[in-house]
Amino acid sequence: MKNSFKLIALAFAAIVTFGFMYADVLPIGGELPMKDVVMKNAMGKDISLKNAAGETGLLVMFSCNTCPYVIKNQDRTIAAAQHALSLKIGTILINSNEGQRTSEDSYAAMKDYAKEQGYAFPYTIDEGSKIADAFGATRTPECFLFDKNMKLVYHGAIDDNPSNAGEVSRQHLAEAMMELKAGKDISVKESKSVGCTIKRAK
């Protein structure tokens, strides 16, 4: 009986934890958080989310240098960013891996990585993972798309098959951006981000 109570308590704790984890994620319709916080850009300039926004909206993507899913999706990341910019949607990539700042996700490594990838958009360092915390971001890559009023209209993955580009049946982010540009309601507002966990400092 005592063990049964322990199991029930553990199950309840897991449910509560799960609930809080998702309650902390910025909801659809939520306002862009931390918009005035200035971040260091790997290209050598400082920028805020507000300043990164375009006429149509803003695409925020949490990324890094090291996650195998980021590396596997690099072509798709660059294509999504270029598509966003063509639709006048400002684009910014954010590295919140504060737990790896002394190694592969250091600022110096970010500068090298951005140069190697030919990034034509800001790639910034999120000191203390405070931007990721405000968004409730947990993965790399993970996308947040905002409209011109800086309200969240899409959150999730680039497409429906992060593991295999050849088997993608729906490009969630591209569809959402085109619908946003056309002034339509976003047909798929949320999808599951698949990737590595953001490495917050202990």
C-alpha atoms as a PDB file:
ATOM      1  CA  MET A   1       0.000   0.000   0.000  1.00  0.00           C
ATOM      2  CA  LYS A   2       2.832   2.345   0.900  1.00  0.00           C
ATOM      3  CA  ASN A   3       4.497   1.691  -2.473  1.00  0.00           C
ATOM      4  CA  SER A   4       1.181   2.359  -4.220  1.00  0.00           C
ATOM      5  CA  PHE A   5       0.949   5.771  -2.582  1.00  0.00           C
ATOM      6  CA  LYS A   6       4.511   6.520  -3.689  1.00  0.00           C
ATOM      7  CA  LEU A   7       3.687   5.577  -7.282  1.00  0.00           C
ATOM      8  CA  ILE A   8       0.574   7.753  -7.246  1.00  0.00           C
ATOM      9  CA  ALA A   9       2.563  10.676  -5.837  1.00  0.00           C
ATOM     10  CA  LEU A  10       5.257  10.285  -8.489  1.00  0.00           C
ATOM     11  CA  ALA A  11       2.674  10.092 -11.243  1.00  0.00           C
ATOM     12  CA  PHE A  12       0.950  13.226  -9.936  1.00  0.00           C
ATOM     13  CA  ALA A  13       4.281  15.052  -9.762  1.00  0.00           C
ATOM     14  CA  ALA A  14       5.036  14.069 -13.354  1.00  0.00           C
ATOM     15  CA  ILE A  15       1.658  15.350 -14.518  1.00  0.00           C
ATOM     16  CA  VAL A  16       2.146  18.650 -12.680  1.00  0.00           C
ATOM     17  CA  THR A  17       5.668  19.036 -14.057  1.00  0.00           C
ATOM     18  CA  PHE A  18       4.455  18.268 -17.572  1.00  0.00           C
ATOM     19  CA  GLY A  19       1.676  20.792 -17.232  1.00  0.00           C
ATOM     20  CA  PHE A  20       3.941  23.547 -15.975  1.00  0.00           C
ATOM     21  CA  MET A  21       6.473  22.839 -18.698  1.00  0.00           C
ATOM     22  CA  TYR A  22       3.862  23.506 -21.387  1.00  0.00           C
ATOM     23  CA  ALA A  23       2.179  26.343 -19.498  1.00  0.00           C
ATOM     24  CA  ASP A  24       5.481  28.238 -19.702  1.00  0.00           C
ATOM     25  CA  VAL A  25       5.593  28.107 -23.518  1.00  0.00           C
ATOM     26  CA  LEU A  26       4.529  31.334 -25.202  1.00  0.00           C
ATOM     27  CA  PRO A  27       0.952  30.710 -26.417  1.00  0.00           C
ATOM     28  CA  ILE A  28      -0.386  31.433 -29.878  1.00  0.00           C
ATOM     29  CA  GLY A  29      -1.504  35.056 -29.813  1.00  0.00           C
ATOM     30  CA  GLY A  30       1.074  35.869 -27.154  1.00  0.00           C
ATOM     31  CA  GLU A  31       3.095  39.079 -27.457  1.00  0.00           C
ATOM     32  CA  LEU A  32       6.779  39.026 -28.419  1.00  0.00           C
ATOM     33  CA  PRO A  33       8.710  38.893 -25.111  1.00  0.00           C
ATOM     34  CA  MET A  34      12.041  40.550 -24.311  1.00  0.00           C
ATOM     35  CA  LYS A  35      11.746  42.635 -27.483  1.00  0.00           C
ATOM     36  CA  ASP A  36      14.050  45.416 -26.279  1.00  0.00           C
ATOM     37  CA  VAL A  37      16.846  43.218 -24.903  1.00  0.00           C
ATOM     38  CA  VAL A  38      20.029  43.795 -26.878  1.00  0.00           C
ATOM     39  CA  MET A  39      21.944  40.681 -27.935  1.00  0.00           C
ATOM     40  CA  LYS A  40      25.413  40.294 -29.383  1.00  0.00           C
ATOM     41  CA  ASN A  41      25.298  39.295 -33.043  1.00  0.00           C
ATOM     42  CA  ALA A  42      27.885  36.879 -34.470  1.00  0.00           C
ATOM     43  CA  MET A  43      28.389  39.345 -37.329  1.00  0.00           C
ATOM     44  CA  GLY A  44      29.766  41.916 -34.901  1.00  0.00           C
ATOM     45  CA  LYS A  45      26.732  44.125 -34.252  1.00  0.00           C
ATOM     46  CA  ASP A  46      24.256  44.299 -31.378  1.00  0.00           C
ATOM     47  CA  ILE A  47      20.563  43.822 -32.112  1.00  0.00           C
ATOM     48  CA  SER A  48      17.231  43.430 -30.342  1.00  0.00           C
ATOM     49  CA  LEU A  49      14.224  41.375 -31.425  1.00  0.00           C
ATOM     50  CA  LYS A  50      12.287  44.581 -32.070  1.00  0.00           C
ATOM     51  CA  ASN A  51      15.005  45.852 -34.377  1.00  0.00           C
ATOM     52  CA  ALA A  52      15.148  42.533 -36.229  1.00  0.00           C
ATOM     53  CA  ALA A  53      11.447  42.640 -37.162  1.00  0.00           C
ATOM     54  CA  GLY A  54      10.348  43.300 -40.727  1.00  0.00           C
ATOM     55  CA  GLU A  55       7.312  44.942 -42.275  1.00  0.00           C
ATOM     56  CA  THR A  56       5.335  41.667 -42.304  1.00  0.00           C
ATOM     57  CA  GLY A  57       6.551  40.185 -39.030  1.00  0.00           C
ATOM     58  CA  LEU A  58       9.407  38.361 -37.354  1.00  0.00           C
ATOM     59  CA  LEU A  59      10.790  34.832 -37.443  1.00  0.00           C
ATOM     60  CA  VAL A  60      12.710  33.807 -34.316  1.00  0.00           C
ATOM     61  CA  MET A  61      14.531  30.494 -34.505  1.00  0.00           C
ATOM     62  CA  PHE A  62      16.407  28.953 -31.575  1.00  0.00           C
ATOM     63  CA  SER A  63      19.499  27.252 -32.934  1.00  0.00           C
ATOM     64  CA  CYS A  64      23.136  26.441 -32.147  1.00  0.00           C
ATOM     65  CA  ASN A  65      26.387  25.182 -33.683  1.00  0.00           C
ATOM     66  CA  THR A  66      26.329  21.621 -32.447  1.00  0.00           C
ATOM     67  CA  CYS A  67      22.959  19.864 -32.500  1.00  0.00           C
ATOM     68  CA  PRO A  68      22.833  17.090 -35.139  1.00  0.00           C
ATOM     69  CA  TYR A  69      19.292  18.161 -36.040  1.00  0.00           C
ATOM     70  CA  VAL A  70      20.427  21.755 -36.597  1.00  0.00           C
ATOM     71  CA  ILE A  71      23.290  20.531 -38.769  1.00  0.00           C
ATOM     72  CA  LYS A  72      21.017  18.144 -40.682  1.00  0.00           C
ATOM     73  CA  ASN A  73      18.470  20.923 -41.219  1.00  0.00           C
ATOM     74  CA  GLN A  74      20.966  23.653 -42.098  1.00  0.00           C
ATOM     75  CA  ASP A  75      19.924  23.939 -45.742  1.00  0.00           C
ATOM     76  CA  ARG A  76      16.283  24.122 -44.662  1.00  0.00           C
ATOM     77  CA  THR A  77      17.100  26.752 -42.033  1.00  0.00           C
ATOM     78  CA  ILE A  78      18.838  28.972 -44.573  1.00  0.00           C
ATOM     79  CA  ALA A  79      16.047  28.442 -47.135  1.00  0.00           C
ATOM     80  CA  ALA A  80      13.402  29.328 -44.521  1.00  0.00           C
ATOM     81  CA  ALA A  81      15.296  32.476 -43.549  1.00  0.00           C
ATOM     82  CA  GLN A  82      15.695  33.546 -47.167  1.00  0.00           C
ATOM     83  CA  HIS A  83      12.006  32.902 -47.804  1.00  0.00           C
ATOM     84  CA  ALA A  84      11.096  34.945 -44.727  1.00  0.00           C
ATOM     85  CA  LEU A  85      13.233  37.861 -45.829  1.00  0.00           C
ATOM     86  CA  SER A  86      11.685  37.754 -49.321  1.00  0.00           C
ATOM     87  CA  LEU A  87       8.274  38.175 -47.639  1.00  0.00           C
ATOM     88  CA  LYS A  88       9.590  41.081 -45.535  1.00  0.00           C
ATOM     89  CA  ILE A  89       9.586  38.941 -42.398  1.00  0.00           C
ATOM     90  CA  GLY A  90      12.601  39.812 -40.287  1.00  0.00           C
ATOM     91  CA  THR A  91      14.677  36.808 -39.251  1.00  0.00           C
ATOM     92  CA  ILE A  92      16.912  36.146 -36.262  1.00  0.00           C
ATOM     93  CA  LEU A  93      18.610  32.978 -35.006  1.00  0.00           C
ATOM     94  CA  ILE A  94      19.326  32.731 -31.283  1.00  0.00           C
ATOM     95  CA  ASN A  95      21.871  30.501 -29.553  1.00  0.00           C
ATOM     96  CA  SER A  96      20.724  29.885 -25.968  1.00  0.00           C
ATOM     97  CA  ASN A  97      23.149  27.048 -25.177  1.00  0.00           C
ATOM     98  CA  GLU A  98      24.574  28.806 -22.121  1.00  0.00           C
ATOM     99  CA  GLY A  99      25.776  25.480 -20.743  1.00  0.00           C
ATOM    100  CA  GLN A 100      28.252  25.164 -23.630  1.00  0.00           C
ATOM    101  CA  ARG A 101      29.642  28.705 -23.807  1.00  0.00           C
ATOM    102  CA  THR A 102      33.133  27.534 -22.916  1.00  0.00           C
ATOM    103  CA  SER A 103      33.208  25.012 -25.767  1.00  0.00           C
ATOM    104  CA  GLU A 104      31.399  24.452 -29.078  1.00  0.00           C
ATOM    105  CA  ASP A 105      28.772  27.163 -28.565  1.00  0.00           C
ATOM    106  CA  SER A 106      31.110  29.949 -27.506  1.00  0.00           C
ATOM    107  CA  TYR A 107      30.768  33.355 -29.123  1.00  0.00           C
ATOM    108  CA  ALA A 108      33.984  32.758 -31.087  1.00  0.00           C
ATOM    109  CA  ALA A 109      32.626  29.436 -32.361  1.00  0.00           C
ATOM    110  CA  MET A 110      29.338  31.130 -33.295  1.00  0.00           C
ATOM    111  CA  LYS A 111      31.192  33.718 -35.375  1.00  0.00           C
ATOM    112  CA  ASP A 112      33.062  30.987 -37.242  1.00  0.00           C
ATOM    113  CA  TYR A 113      29.889  28.966 -37.749  1.00  0.00           C
ATOM    114  CA  ALA A 114      27.892  31.928 -39.082  1.00  0.00           C
ATOM    115  CA  LYS A 115      30.674  32.714 -41.529  1.00  0.00           C
ATOM    116  CA  GLU A 116      30.943  29.091 -42.694  1.00  0.00           C
ATOM    117  CA  GLN A 117      27.189  28.881 -43.259  1.00  0.00           C
ATOM    118  CA  GLY A 118      27.003  32.228 -45.018  1.00  0.00           C
ATOM    119  CA  TYR A 119      24.316  33.567 -42.698  1.00  0.00           C
ATOM    120  CA  ALA A 120      22.795  36.761 -44.119  1.00  0.00           C
ATOM    121  CA  PHE A 121      20.707  37.322 -40.997  1.00  0.00           C
ATOM    122  CA  PRO A 122      21.519  37.899 -37.303  1.00  0.00           C
ATOM    123  CA  TYR A 123      22.782  34.960 -35.249  1.00  0.00           C
ATOM    124  CA  THR A 124      22.840  36.088 -31.644  1.00  0.00           C
ATOM    125  CA  ILE A 125      24.016  34.894 -28.263  1.00  0.00           C
ATOM    126  CA  ASP A 126      21.370  34.597 -25.534  1.00  0.00           C
ATOM    127  CA  GLU A 127      23.306  35.257 -22.346  1.00  0.00           C
ATOM    128  CA  GLY A 128      21.842  33.347 -19.423  1.00  0.00           C
ATOM    129  CA  SER A 129      19.258  31.749 -21.753  1.00  0.00           C
ATOM    130  CA  LYS A 130      16.882  34.538 -20.716  1.00  0.00           C
ATOM    131  CA  ILE A 131      15.309  34.866 -24.171  1.00  0.00           C
ATOM    132  CA  ALA A 132      14.723  31.100 -24.372  1.00  0.00           C
ATOM    133  CA  ASP A 133      13.222  31.180 -20.877  1.00  0.00           C
ATOM    134  CA  ALA A 134      10.853  33.999 -21.837  1.00  0.00           C
ATOM    135  CA  PHE A 135       9.696  32.094 -24.930  1.00  0.00           C
ATOM    136  CA  GLY A 136       9.572  28.728 -23.194  1.00  0.00           C
ATOM    137  CA  ALA A 137      11.854  27.379 -25.925  1.00  0.00           C
ATOM    138  CA  THR A 138      13.310  23.940 -25.241  1.00  0.00           C
ATOM    139  CA  ARG A 139      14.737  22.656 -28.556  1.00  0.00           C
ATOM    140  CA  THR A 140      17.070  23.403 -31.420  1.00  0.00           C
ATOM    141  CA  PRO A 141      15.814  24.093 -33.983  1.00  0.00           C
ATOM    142  CA  GLU A 142      12.550  25.628 -32.735  1.00  0.00           C
ATOM    143  CA  CYS A 143      10.632  28.345 -34.601  1.00  0.00           C
ATOM    144  CA  PHE A 144       8.412  31.196 -33.429  1.00  0.00           C
ATOM    145  CA  LEU A 145       6.675  33.308 -36.104  1.00  0.00           C
ATOM    146  CA  PHE A 146       5.143  36.689 -35.206  1.00  0.00           C
ATOM    147  CA  ASP A 147       2.874  38.959 -37.229  1.00  0.00           C
ATOM    148  CA  LYS A 148       3.429  42.690 -37.793  1.00  0.00           C
ATOM    149  CA  ASN A 149       1.815  43.406 -34.409  1.00  0.00           C
ATOM    150  CA  MET A 150       4.351  41.083 -32.782  1.00  0.00           C
ATOM    151  CA  LYS A 151       1.738  38.470 -31.855  1.00  0.00           C
ATOM    152  CA  LEU A 152       2.711  34.800 -32.131  1.00  0.00           C
ATOM    153  CA  VAL A 153       0.988  33.070 -35.050  1.00  0.00           C
ATOM    154  CA  TYR A 154       3.063  29.884 -35.442  1.00  0.00           C
ATOM    155  CA  HIS A 155       5.286  27.823 -33.148  1.00  0.00           C
ATOM    156  CA  GLY A 156       7.082  24.599 -33.910  1.00  0.00           C
ATOM    157  CA  ALA A 157       9.161  22.837 -36.536  1.00  0.00           C
ATOM    158  CA  ILE A 158      10.308  23.897 -39.993  1.00  0.00           C
ATOM    159  CA  ASP A 159       8.451  20.972 -41.553  1.00  0.00           C
ATOM    160  CA  ASP A 160       6.933  17.584 -40.737  1.00  0.00           C
ATOM    161  CA  ASN A 161      10.049  15.454 -41.230  1.00  0.00           C
ATOM    162  CA  PRO A 162      13.180  16.873 -39.528  1.00  0.00           C
ATOM    163  CA  SER A 163      14.957  13.540 -40.000  1.00  0.00           C
ATOM    164  CA  ASN A 164      14.574  13.235 -43.763  1.00  0.00           C
ATOM    165  CA  ALA A 165      14.245  16.188 -46.132  1.00  0.00           C
ATOM    166  CA  GLY A 166      13.288  13.839 -48.947  1.00  0.00           C
ATOM    167  CA  GLU A 167      10.152  12.699 -47.142  1.00  0.00           C
ATOM    168  CA  VAL A 168       8.703  16.069 -46.131  1.00  0.00           C
ATOM    169  CA  SER A 169       4.981  16.224 -46.918  1.00  0.00           C
ATOM    170  CA  ARG A 170       4.253  19.660 -45.413  1.00  0.00           C
ATOM    171  CA  GLN A 171       6.480  22.671 -44.868  1.00  0.00           C
ATOM    172  CA  HIS A 172       4.794  24.079 -41.779  1.00  0.00           C
ATOM    173  CA  LEU A 173       6.904  27.226 -41.452  1.00  0.00           C
ATOM    174  CA  ALA A 174       6.850  28.134 -45.156  1.00  0.00           C
ATOM    175  CA  GLU A 175       3.074  27.673 -45.295  1.00  0.00           C
ATOM    176  CA  ALA A 176       2.600  29.802 -42.184  1.00  0.00           C
ATOM    177  CA  MET A 177       4.791  32.577 -43.600  1.00  0.00           C
ATOM    178  CA  MET A 178       2.907  32.632 -46.912  1.00  0.00           C
ATOM    179  CA  GLU A 179      -0.431  32.725 -45.110  1.00  0.00           C
ATOM    180  CA  LEU A 180       0.847  35.526 -42.889  1.00  0.00           C
ATOM    181  CA  LYS A 181       1.987  37.546 -45.912  1.00  0.00           C
ATOM    182  CA  ALA A 182      -1.399  36.987 -47.603  1.00  0.00           C
ATOM    183  CA  GLY A 183      -3.261  38.152 -44.498  1.00  0.00           C
ATOM    184  CA  LYS A 184      -4.853  34.738 -43.965  1.00  0.00           C
ATOM    185  CA  ASP A 185      -5.417  32.835 -40.746  1.00  0.00           C
ATOM    186  CA  ILE A 186      -2.598  30.365 -40.110  1.00  0.00           C
ATOM    187  CA  SER A 187      -3.993  26.914 -40.888  1.00  0.00           C
ATOM    188  CA  VAL A 188      -1.468  24.984 -38.766  1.00  0.00           C
ATOM    189  CA  LYS A 189      -0.502  27.125 -35.794  1.00  0.00           C
ATOM    190  CA  GLU A 190       1.568  24.604 -33.832  1.00  0.00           C
ATOM    191  CA  SER A 191       3.697  21.558 -34.547  1.00  0.00           C
ATOM    192  CA  LYS A 192       6.185  19.490 -32.596  1.00  0.00           C
ATOM    193  CA  SER A 193       9.787  20.675 -32.579  1.00  0.00           C
ATOM    194  CA  VAL A 194      12.244  17.792 -32.845  1.00  0.00           C
ATOM    195  CA  GLY A 195      15.879  18.356 -31.926  1.00  0.00           C
ATOM    196  CA  CYS A 196      18.370  18.685 -29.110  1.00  0.00           C
ATOM    197  CA  THR A 197      17.472  20.271 -25.799  1.00  0.00           C
ATOM    198  CA  ILE A 198      18.702  23.790 -25.167  1.00  0.00           C
ATOM    199  CA  LYS A 199      21.720  23.484 -22.866  1.00  0.00           C
ATOM    200  CA  ARG A 200      20.979  25.889 -20.043  1.00  0.00           C
ATOM    201  CA  ALA A 201      23.665  26.561 -17.441  1.00  0.00           C
ATOM    202  CA  LYS A 202      23.381  24.453 -14.283  1.00  0.00           C
END
